[in-house]
Amino acid sequence: MLFKFDGRIGRKEWWVCAIVTSIVVMVTAWLIRLIAGFTVDELSYLAFIPCLAMLWIFIALDVKRLRDRGKEGKMLVLPIIIIPWGFVECGFLPSKD
């Protein structure tokens, strides 16, 4: 559900996935930085991997949620680029069907 771009999800699923993903990524990045000793060595750069995974997951969630809102084609990309509007569109507005 988190990594694929096909399908649709509702508001509740979007919120649950977004919150759980954010918490997991923050804890994972914190643990990596703790193990690395908060230094600028090679291990501290591993903290960016969970952040990149979170970005991929959020884009996939947004695409599915926008599809549920009735957005297709080029209109699908616009709310993802304009982040505040994408947050309102995905998190607060109801489904079209």
PDB file of N, CA and C in Angstrom:
ATOM      1  N   MET A   1       0.818  -1.205   0.000  1.00  0.00           N
ATOM      2  CA  MET A   1       0.000   0.000   0.000  1.00  0.00           C
ATOM      3  C   MET A   1       0.857   1.262   0.000  1.00  0.00           C
ATOM      4  N   LEU A   2       1.983   1.208   0.644  1.00  0.00           N
ATOM      5  CA  LEU A   2       2.754   2.432   0.810  1.00  0.00           C
ATOM      6  C   LEU A   2       3.626   2.798  -0.389  1.00  0.00           C
ATOM      7  N   PHE A   3       4.090   1.824  -1.138  1.00  0.00           N
ATOM      8  CA  PHE A   3       5.079   2.111  -2.178  1.00  0.00           C
ATOM      9  C   PHE A   3       4.523   2.142  -3.587  1.00  0.00           C
ATOM     10  N   LYS A   4       3.330   1.618  -3.804  1.00  0.00           N
ATOM     11  CA  LYS A   4       2.755   1.581  -5.149  1.00  0.00           C
ATOM     12  C   LYS A   4       1.933   2.838  -5.418  1.00  0.00           C
ATOM     13  N   PHE A   5       1.825   3.186  -6.698  1.00  0.00           N
ATOM     14  CA  PHE A   5       1.106   4.394  -7.090  1.00  0.00           C
ATOM     15  C   PHE A   5      -0.287   4.105  -7.634  1.00  0.00           C
ATOM     16  N   ASP A   6      -0.704   2.843  -7.652  1.00  0.00           N
ATOM     17  CA  ASP A   6      -2.024   2.532  -8.184  1.00  0.00           C
ATOM     18  C   ASP A   6      -3.035   2.392  -7.045  1.00  0.00           C
ATOM     19  N   GLY A   7      -4.289   2.568  -7.378  1.00  0.00           N
ATOM     20  CA  GLY A   7      -5.344   2.445  -6.386  1.00  0.00           C
ATOM     21  C   GLY A   7      -5.780   3.790  -5.828  1.00  0.00           C
ATOM     22  N   ARG A   8      -6.650   3.704  -4.838  1.00  0.00           N
ATOM     23  CA  ARG A   8      -7.189   4.898  -4.184  1.00  0.00           C
ATOM     24  C   ARG A   8      -7.239   4.653  -2.677  1.00  0.00           C
ATOM     25  N   ILE A   9      -7.108   5.732  -1.904  1.00  0.00           N
ATOM     26  CA  ILE A   9      -7.274   5.625  -0.465  1.00  0.00           C
ATOM     27  C   ILE A   9      -8.101   6.802   0.026  1.00  0.00           C
ATOM     28  N   GLY A  10      -8.775   6.611   1.121  1.00  0.00           N
ATOM     29  CA  GLY A  10      -9.587   7.660   1.725  1.00  0.00           C
ATOM     30  C   GLY A  10      -8.778   8.529   2.673  1.00  0.00           C
ATOM     31  N   ARG A  11      -9.470   9.497   3.241  1.00  0.00           N
ATOM     32  CA  ARG A  11      -8.806  10.425   4.161  1.00  0.00           C
ATOM     33  C   ARG A  11      -8.238   9.718   5.378  1.00  0.00           C
ATOM     34  N   LYS A  12      -9.043   8.831   5.972  1.00  0.00           N
ATOM     35  CA  LYS A  12      -8.607   8.150   7.190  1.00  0.00           C
ATOM     36  C   LYS A  12      -7.332   7.350   6.945  1.00  0.00           C
ATOM     37  N   GLU A  13      -7.285   6.578   5.865  1.00  0.00           N
ATOM     38  CA  GLU A  13      -6.095   5.798   5.551  1.00  0.00           C
ATOM     39  C   GLU A  13      -4.899   6.693   5.275  1.00  0.00           C
ATOM     40  N   TRP A  14      -5.155   7.824   4.601  1.00  0.00           N
ATOM     41  CA  TRP A  14      -4.087   8.769   4.305  1.00  0.00           C
ATOM     42  C   TRP A  14      -3.476   9.306   5.595  1.00  0.00           C
ATOM     43  N   TRP A  15      -4.317   9.733   6.537  1.00  0.00           N
ATOM     44  CA  TRP A  15      -3.829  10.263   7.807  1.00  0.00           C
ATOM     45  C   TRP A  15      -3.073   9.212   8.604  1.00  0.00           C
ATOM     46  N   VAL A  16      -3.626   7.999   8.695  1.00  0.00           N
ATOM     47  CA  VAL A  16      -2.977   6.938   9.468  1.00  0.00           C
ATOM     48  C   VAL A  16      -1.614   6.605   8.875  1.00  0.00           C
ATOM     49  N   CYS A  17      -1.555   6.409   7.574  1.00  0.00           N
ATOM     50  CA  CYS A  17      -0.289   6.073   6.914  1.00  0.00           C
ATOM     51  C   CYS A  17       0.721   7.209   7.048  1.00  0.00           C
ATOM     52  N   ALA A  18       0.285   8.441   6.893  1.00  0.00           N
ATOM     53  CA  ALA A  18       1.196   9.582   6.982  1.00  0.00           C
ATOM     54  C   ALA A  18       1.767   9.727   8.389  1.00  0.00           C
ATOM     55  N   ILE A  19       0.931   9.586   9.402  1.00  0.00           N
ATOM     56  CA  ILE A  19       1.403   9.745  10.778  1.00  0.00           C
ATOM     57  C   ILE A  19       2.327   8.599  11.182  1.00  0.00           C
ATOM     58  N   VAL A  20       1.929   7.374  10.878  1.00  0.00           N
ATOM     59  CA  VAL A  20       2.762   6.223  11.237  1.00  0.00           C
ATOM     60  C   VAL A  20       4.090   6.270  10.495  1.00  0.00           C
ATOM     61  N   THR A  21       4.068   6.602   9.220  1.00  0.00           N
ATOM     62  CA  THR A  21       5.308   6.700   8.442  1.00  0.00           C
ATOM     63  C   THR A  21       6.224   7.774   9.008  1.00  0.00           C
ATOM     64  N   SER A  22       5.671   8.917   9.356  1.00  0.00           N
ATOM     65  CA  SER A  22       6.475  10.005   9.922  1.00  0.00           C
ATOM     66  C   SER A  22       7.139   9.585  11.226  1.00  0.00           C
ATOM     67  N   ILE A  23       6.383   8.928  12.102  1.00  0.00           N
ATOM     68  CA  ILE A  23       6.937   8.494  13.385  1.00  0.00           C
ATOM     69  C   ILE A  23       8.045   7.463  13.178  1.00  0.00           C
ATOM     70  N   VAL A  24       7.796   6.484  12.323  1.00  0.00           N
ATOM     71  CA  VAL A  24       8.796   5.440  12.074  1.00  0.00           C
ATOM     72  C   VAL A  24      10.069   6.038  11.478  1.00  0.00           C
ATOM     73  N   VAL A  25       9.924   6.948  10.543  1.00  0.00           N
ATOM     74  CA  VAL A  25      11.108   7.549   9.906  1.00  0.00           C
ATOM     75  C   VAL A  25      11.870   8.422  10.890  1.00  0.00           C
ATOM     76  N   MET A  26      11.164   9.201  11.702  1.00  0.00           N
ATOM     77  CA  MET A  26      11.859  10.043  12.684  1.00  0.00           C
ATOM     78  C   MET A  26      12.629   9.204  13.702  1.00  0.00           C
ATOM     79  N   VAL A  27      12.016   8.131  14.197  1.00  0.00           N
ATOM     80  CA  VAL A  27      12.692   7.264  15.166  1.00  0.00           C
ATOM     81  C   VAL A  27      13.889   6.572  14.515  1.00  0.00           C
ATOM     82  N   THR A  28      13.715   6.076  13.294  1.00  0.00           N
ATOM     83  CA  THR A  28      14.814   5.406  12.599  1.00  0.00           C
ATOM     84  C   THR A  28      15.974   6.367  12.349  1.00  0.00           C
ATOM     85  N   ALA A  29      15.682   7.559  11.875  1.00  0.00           N
ATOM     86  CA  ALA A  29      16.743   8.546  11.627  1.00  0.00           C
ATOM     87  C   ALA A  29      17.428   8.936  12.928  1.00  0.00           C
ATOM     88  N   TRP A  30      16.667   9.068  13.991  1.00  0.00           N
ATOM     89  CA  TRP A  30      17.248   9.408  15.293  1.00  0.00           C
ATOM     90  C   TRP A  30      18.177   8.302  15.774  1.00  0.00           C
ATOM     91  N   LEU A  31      17.736   7.036  15.631  1.00  0.00           N
ATOM     92  CA  LEU A  31      18.578   5.912  16.047  1.00  0.00           C
ATOM     93  C   LEU A  31      19.865   5.841  15.232  1.00  0.00           C
ATOM     94  N   ILE A  32      19.782   6.090  13.948  1.00  0.00           N
ATOM     95  CA  ILE A  32      20.986   6.078  13.110  1.00  0.00           C
ATOM     96  C   ILE A  32      21.938   7.178  13.540  1.00  0.00           C
ATOM     97  N   ARG A  33      21.397   8.366  13.814  1.00  0.00           N
ATOM     98  CA  ARG A  33      22.263   9.468  14.260  1.00  0.00           C
ATOM     99  C   ARG A  33      22.840   9.185  15.646  1.00  0.00           C
ATOM    100  N   LEU A  34      22.073   8.523  16.501  1.00  0.00           N
ATOM    101  CA  LEU A  34      22.566   8.164  17.827  1.00  0.00           C
ATOM    102  C   LEU A  34      23.709   7.168  17.723  1.00  0.00           C
ATOM    103  N   ILE A  35      23.554   6.177  16.860  1.00  0.00           N
ATOM    104  CA  ILE A  35      24.617   5.190  16.654  1.00  0.00           C
ATOM    105  C   ILE A  35      25.850   5.854  16.038  1.00  0.00           C
ATOM    106  N   ALA A  36      25.630   6.794  15.144  1.00  0.00           N
ATOM    107  CA  ALA A  36      26.755   7.476  14.488  1.00  0.00           C
ATOM    108  C   ALA A  36      27.410   8.491  15.415  1.00  0.00           C
ATOM    109  N   GLY A  37      26.784   8.778  16.548  1.00  0.00           N
ATOM    110  CA  GLY A  37      27.367   9.736  17.476  1.00  0.00           C
ATOM    111  C   GLY A  37      27.188  11.174  17.052  1.00  0.00           C
ATOM    112  N   PHE A  38      26.188  11.458  16.229  1.00  0.00           N
ATOM    113  CA  PHE A  38      25.884  12.798  15.747  1.00  0.00           C
ATOM    114  C   PHE A  38      27.095  13.454  15.079  1.00  0.00           C
ATOM    115  N   THR A  39      27.936  12.652  14.474  1.00  0.00           N
ATOM    116  CA  THR A  39      29.106  13.183  13.779  1.00  0.00           C
ATOM    117  C   THR A  39      28.831  13.237  12.286  1.00  0.00           C
ATOM    118  N   VAL A  40      29.740  13.848  11.567  1.00  0.00           N
ATOM    119  CA  VAL A  40      29.587  13.961  10.122  1.00  0.00           C
ATOM    120  C   VAL A  40      30.460  12.893   9.454  1.00  0.00           C
ATOM    121  N   ASP A  41      30.242  11.667   9.828  1.00  0.00           N
ATOM    122  CA  ASP A  41      30.969  10.599   9.161  1.00  0.00           C
ATOM    123  C   ASP A  41      30.029   9.845   8.233  1.00  0.00           C
ATOM    124  N   GLU A  42      30.508   8.787   7.669  1.00  0.00           N
ATOM    125  CA  GLU A  42      29.740   8.051   6.671  1.00  0.00           C
ATOM    126  C   GLU A  42      28.437   7.492   7.231  1.00  0.00           C
ATOM    127  N   LEU A  43      28.444   7.066   8.485  1.00  0.00           N
ATOM    128  CA  LEU A  43      27.259   6.458   9.078  1.00  0.00           C
ATOM    129  C   LEU A  43      26.132   7.473   9.271  1.00  0.00           C
ATOM    130  N   SER A  44      26.467   8.728   9.539  1.00  0.00           N
ATOM    131  CA  SER A  44      25.420   9.727   9.751  1.00  0.00           C
ATOM    132  C   SER A  44      24.644  10.021   8.468  1.00  0.00           C
ATOM    133  N   TYR A  45      25.271   9.777   7.322  1.00  0.00           N
ATOM    134  CA  TYR A  45      24.560   9.981   6.058  1.00  0.00           C
ATOM    135  C   TYR A  45      23.491   8.914   5.818  1.00  0.00           C
ATOM    136  N   LEU A  46      23.559   7.806   6.535  1.00  0.00           N
ATOM    137  CA  LEU A  46      22.531   6.775   6.421  1.00  0.00           C
ATOM    138  C   LEU A  46      21.170   7.265   6.917  1.00  0.00           C
ATOM    139  N   ALA A  47      21.164   8.318   7.708  1.00  0.00           N
ATOM    140  CA  ALA A  47      19.906   8.874   8.211  1.00  0.00           C
ATOM    141  C   ALA A  47      19.065   9.459   7.073  1.00  0.00           C
ATOM    142  N   PHE A  48      19.681   9.744   5.946  1.00  0.00           N
ATOM    143  CA  PHE A  48      18.926  10.289   4.815  1.00  0.00           C
ATOM    144  C   PHE A  48      18.131   9.210   4.083  1.00  0.00           C
ATOM    145  N   ILE A  49      18.523   7.955   4.219  1.00  0.00           N
ATOM    146  CA  ILE A  49      17.816   6.869   3.537  1.00  0.00           C
ATOM    147  C   ILE A  49      16.366   6.760   4.003  1.00  0.00           C
ATOM    148  N   PRO A  50      16.080   6.763   5.322  1.00  0.00           N
ATOM    149  CA  PRO A  50      14.673   6.743   5.729  1.00  0.00           C
ATOM    150  C   PRO A  50      13.899   7.984   5.263  1.00  0.00           C
ATOM    151  N   CYS A  51      14.577   9.115   5.175  1.00  0.00           N
ATOM    152  CA  CYS A  51      13.904  10.334   4.707  1.00  0.00           C
ATOM    153  C   CYS A  51      13.528  10.216   3.230  1.00  0.00           C
ATOM    154  N   LEU A  52      14.384   9.617   2.435  1.00  0.00           N
ATOM    155  CA  LEU A  52      14.060   9.395   1.023  1.00  0.00           C
ATOM    156  C   LEU A  52      12.917   8.399   0.878  1.00  0.00           C
ATOM    157  N   ALA A  53      12.920   7.376   1.716  1.00  0.00           N
ATOM    158  CA  ALA A  53      11.805   6.410   1.701  1.00  0.00           C
ATOM    159  C   ALA A  53      10.504   7.105   2.079  1.00  0.00           C
ATOM    160  N   MET A  54      10.559   8.013   3.064  1.00  0.00           N
ATOM    161  CA  MET A  54       9.366   8.749   3.470  1.00  0.00           C
ATOM    162  C   MET A  54       8.856   9.629   2.330  1.00  0.00           C
ATOM    163  N   LEU A  55       9.755  10.252   1.605  1.00  0.00           N
ATOM    164  CA  LEU A  55       9.352  11.079   0.472  1.00  0.00           C
ATOM    165  C   LEU A  55       8.627  10.236  -0.572  1.00  0.00           C
ATOM    166  N   TRP A  56       9.168   9.070  -0.897  1.00  0.00           N
ATOM    167  CA  TRP A  56       8.534   8.167  -1.856  1.00  0.00           C
ATOM    168  C   TRP A  56       7.148   7.751  -1.369  1.00  0.00           C
ATOM    169  N   ILE A  57       7.048   7.393  -0.085  1.00  0.00           N
ATOM    170  CA  ILE A  57       5.766   6.963   0.478  1.00  0.00           C
ATOM    171  C   ILE A  57       4.756   8.088   0.432  1.00  0.00           C
ATOM    172  N   PHE A  58       5.155   9.310   0.788  1.00  0.00           N
ATOM    173  CA  PHE A  58       4.217  10.436   0.775  1.00  0.00           C
ATOM    174  C   PHE A  58       3.732  10.758  -0.628  1.00  0.00           C
ATOM    175  N   ILE A  59       4.610  10.664  -1.604  1.00  0.00           N
ATOM    176  CA  ILE A  59       4.181  10.916  -2.984  1.00  0.00           C
ATOM    177  C   ILE A  59       3.195   9.839  -3.421  1.00  0.00           C
ATOM    178  N   ALA A  60       3.478   8.577  -3.084  1.00  0.00           N
ATOM    179  CA  ALA A  60       2.561   7.490  -3.442  1.00  0.00           C
ATOM    180  C   ALA A  60       1.208   7.666  -2.744  1.00  0.00           C
ATOM    181  N   LEU A  61       1.222   8.050  -1.467  1.00  0.00           N
ATOM    182  CA  LEU A  61      -0.038   8.282  -0.746  1.00  0.00           C
ATOM    183  C   LEU A  61      -0.813   9.439  -1.359  1.00  0.00           C
ATOM    184  N   ASP A  62      -0.104  10.513  -1.694  1.00  0.00           N
ATOM    185  CA  ASP A  62      -0.770  11.676  -2.285  1.00  0.00           C
ATOM    186  C   ASP A  62      -1.387  11.344  -3.638  1.00  0.00           C
ATOM    187  N   VAL A  63      -0.676  10.579  -4.458  1.00  0.00           N
ATOM    188  CA  VAL A  63      -1.213  10.195  -5.768  1.00  0.00           C
ATOM    189  C   VAL A  63      -2.499   9.393  -5.588  1.00  0.00           C
ATOM    190  N   LYS A  64      -2.478   8.430  -4.667  1.00  0.00           N
ATOM    191  CA  LYS A  64      -3.685   7.620  -4.426  1.00  0.00           C
ATOM    192  C   LYS A  64      -4.820   8.457  -3.873  1.00  0.00           C
ATOM    193  N   ARG A  65      -4.504   9.356  -2.960  1.00  0.00           N
ATOM    194  CA  ARG A  65      -5.546  10.202  -2.362  1.00  0.00           C
ATOM    195  C   ARG A  65      -6.117  11.179  -3.391  1.00  0.00           C
ATOM    196  N   LEU A  66      -5.270  11.747  -4.217  1.00  0.00           N
ATOM    197  CA  LEU A  66      -5.751  12.677  -5.241  1.00  0.00           C
ATOM    198  C   LEU A  66      -6.591  11.950  -6.283  1.00  0.00           C
ATOM    199  N   ARG A  67      -6.235  10.719  -6.570  1.00  0.00           N
ATOM    200  CA  ARG A  67      -7.047   9.919  -7.481  1.00  0.00           C
ATOM    201  C   ARG A  67      -8.440   9.688  -6.862  1.00  0.00           C
ATOM    202  N   ASP A  68      -8.486   9.501  -5.567  1.00  0.00           N
ATOM    203  CA  ASP A  68      -9.756   9.346  -4.856  1.00  0.00           C
ATOM    204  C   ASP A  68     -10.559  10.642  -4.884  1.00  0.00           C
ATOM    205  N   ARG A  69      -9.874  11.754  -4.968  1.00  0.00           N
ATOM    206  CA  ARG A  69     -10.534  13.066  -5.042  1.00  0.00           C
ATOM    207  C   ARG A  69     -10.997  13.397  -6.457  1.00  0.00           C
ATOM    208  N   GLY A  70     -10.685  12.545  -7.418  1.00  0.00           N
ATOM    209  CA  GLY A  70     -11.135  12.763  -8.784  1.00  0.00           C
ATOM    210  C   GLY A  70     -10.130  13.475  -9.664  1.00  0.00           C
ATOM    211  N   LYS A  71      -8.907  13.635  -9.182  1.00  0.00           N
ATOM    212  CA  LYS A  71      -7.855  14.285  -9.976  1.00  0.00           C
ATOM    213  C   LYS A  71      -7.156  13.233 -10.830  1.00  0.00           C
ATOM    214  N   GLU A  72      -6.942  13.531 -12.084  1.00  0.00           N
ATOM    215  CA  GLU A  72      -6.251  12.624 -13.008  1.00  0.00           C
ATOM    216  C   GLU A  72      -5.301  13.430 -13.886  1.00  0.00           C
ATOM    217  N   GLY A  73      -4.370  12.744 -14.499  1.00  0.00           N
ATOM    218  CA  GLY A  73      -3.479  13.369 -15.474  1.00  0.00           C
ATOM    219  C   GLY A  73      -2.624  14.471 -14.894  1.00  0.00           C
ATOM    220  N   LYS A  74      -2.597  15.608 -15.559  1.00  0.00           N
ATOM    221  CA  LYS A  74      -1.773  16.732 -15.136  1.00  0.00           C
ATOM    222  C   LYS A  74      -2.264  17.351 -13.829  1.00  0.00           C
ATOM    223  N   MET A  75      -3.546  17.257 -13.566  1.00  0.00           N
ATOM    224  CA  MET A  75      -4.084  17.802 -12.321  1.00  0.00           C
ATOM    225  C   MET A  75      -3.597  17.021 -11.103  1.00  0.00           C
ATOM    226  N   LEU A  76      -3.085  15.826 -11.331  1.00  0.00           N
ATOM    227  CA  LEU A  76      -2.578  15.004 -10.244  1.00  0.00           C
ATOM    228  C   LEU A  76      -1.267  15.562  -9.697  1.00  0.00           C
ATOM    229  N   VAL A  77      -0.466  16.166 -10.542  1.00  0.00           N
ATOM    230  CA  VAL A  77       0.853  16.642 -10.148  1.00  0.00           C
ATOM    231  C   VAL A  77       0.783  17.998  -9.448  1.00  0.00           C
ATOM    232  N   LEU A  78      -0.146  18.840  -9.784  1.00  0.00           N
ATOM    233  CA  LEU A  78      -0.198  20.205  -9.258  1.00  0.00           C
ATOM    234  C   LEU A  78      -0.278  20.273  -7.736  1.00  0.00           C
ATOM    235  N   PRO A  79      -1.195  19.561  -7.065  1.00  0.00           N
ATOM    236  CA  PRO A  79      -1.218  19.649  -5.595  1.00  0.00           C
ATOM    237  C   PRO A  79       0.009  19.055  -4.921  1.00  0.00           C
ATOM    238  N   ILE A  80       0.711  18.147  -5.580  1.00  0.00           N
ATOM    239  CA  ILE A  80       1.926  17.592  -4.986  1.00  0.00           C
ATOM    240  C   ILE A  80       3.034  18.635  -5.025  1.00  0.00           C
ATOM    241  N   ILE A  81       3.088  19.437  -6.089  1.00  0.00           N
ATOM    242  CA  ILE A  81       4.107  20.485  -6.205  1.00  0.00           C
ATOM    243  C   ILE A  81       3.809  21.635  -5.244  1.00  0.00           C
ATOM    244  N   ILE A  82       2.548  22.028  -5.155  1.00  0.00           N
ATOM    245  CA  ILE A  82       2.144  23.105  -4.249  1.00  0.00           C
ATOM    246  C   ILE A  82       1.770  22.447  -2.922  1.00  0.00           C
ATOM    247  N   ILE A  83       2.736  22.302  -2.051  1.00  0.00           N
ATOM    248  CA  ILE A  83       2.602  21.478  -0.857  1.00  0.00           C
ATOM    249  C   ILE A  83       1.467  21.901   0.071  1.00  0.00           C
ATOM    250  N   PRO A  84       1.287  23.184   0.412  1.00  0.00           N
ATOM    251  CA  PRO A  84       0.165  23.505   1.319  1.00  0.00           C
ATOM    252  C   PRO A  84      -1.196  23.115   0.731  1.00  0.00           C
ATOM    253  N   TRP A  85      -1.389  23.335  -0.546  1.00  0.00           N
ATOM    254  CA  TRP A  85      -2.669  22.963  -1.143  1.00  0.00           C
ATOM    255  C   TRP A  85      -2.814  21.443  -1.222  1.00  0.00           C
ATOM    256  N   GLY A  86      -1.736  20.759  -1.476  1.00  0.00           N
ATOM    257  CA  GLY A  86      -1.777  19.303  -1.495  1.00  0.00           C
ATOM    258  C   GLY A  86      -2.144  18.734  -0.134  1.00  0.00           C
ATOM    259  N   PHE A  87      -1.667  19.358   0.934  1.00  0.00           N
ATOM    260  CA  PHE A  87      -2.014  18.933   2.287  1.00  0.00           C
ATOM    261  C   PHE A  87      -3.502  19.110   2.552  1.00  0.00           C
ATOM    262  N   VAL A  88      -4.058  20.242   2.144  1.00  0.00           N
ATOM    263  CA  VAL A  88      -5.504  20.489   2.304  1.00  0.00           C
ATOM    264  C   VAL A  88      -6.296  19.526   1.432  1.00  0.00           C
ATOM    265  N   GLU A  89      -5.872  19.370   0.196  1.00  0.00           N
ATOM    266  CA  GLU A  89      -6.570  18.505  -0.756  1.00  0.00           C
ATOM    267  C   GLU A  89      -6.595  17.053  -0.281  1.00  0.00           C
ATOM    268  N   CYS A  90      -5.476  16.569   0.225  1.00  0.00           N
ATOM    269  CA  CYS A  90      -5.389  15.166   0.626  1.00  0.00           C
ATOM    270  C   CYS A  90      -5.936  14.914   2.029  1.00  0.00           C
ATOM    271  N   GLY A  91      -5.698  15.838   2.927  1.00  0.00           N
ATOM    272  CA  GLY A  91      -6.028  15.587   4.318  1.00  0.00           C
ATOM    273  C   GLY A  91      -7.398  16.022   4.789  1.00  0.00           C
ATOM    274  N   PHE A  92      -8.023  16.972   4.096  1.00  0.00           N
ATOM    275  CA  PHE A  92      -9.247  17.540   4.645  1.00  0.00           C
ATOM    276  C   PHE A  92     -10.458  17.472   3.731  1.00  0.00           C
ATOM    277  N   LEU A  93     -10.258  17.456   2.434  1.00  0.00           N
ATOM    278  CA  LEU A  93     -11.407  17.463   1.518  1.00  0.00           C
ATOM    279  C   LEU A  93     -11.933  16.044   1.297  1.00  0.00           C
ATOM    280  N   PRO A  94     -13.250  15.885   1.165  1.00  0.00           N
ATOM    281  CA  PRO A  94     -13.837  14.542   1.018  1.00  0.00           C
ATOM    282  C   PRO A  94     -13.596  13.964  -0.376  1.00  0.00           C
ATOM    283  N   SER A  95     -13.873  12.661  -0.489  1.00  0.00           N
ATOM    284  CA  SER A  95     -13.758  11.967  -1.778  1.00  0.00           C
ATOM    285  C   SER A  95     -14.812  12.468  -2.740  1.00  0.00           C
ATOM    286  N   LYS A  96     -14.551  12.286  -4.029  1.00  0.00           N
ATOM    287  CA  LYS A  96     -15.529  12.709  -5.051  1.00  0.00           C
ATOM    288  C   LYS A  96     -16.627  11.700  -5.273  1.00  0.00           C
ATOM    289  N   ASP A  97     -16.349  10.415  -4.991  1.00  0.00           N
ATOM    290  CA  ASP A  97     -17.362   9.390  -5.221  1.00  0.00           C
ATOM    291  C   ASP A  97     -18.182   9.141  -3.982  1.00  0.00           C
TER     292      ASP A  97
END
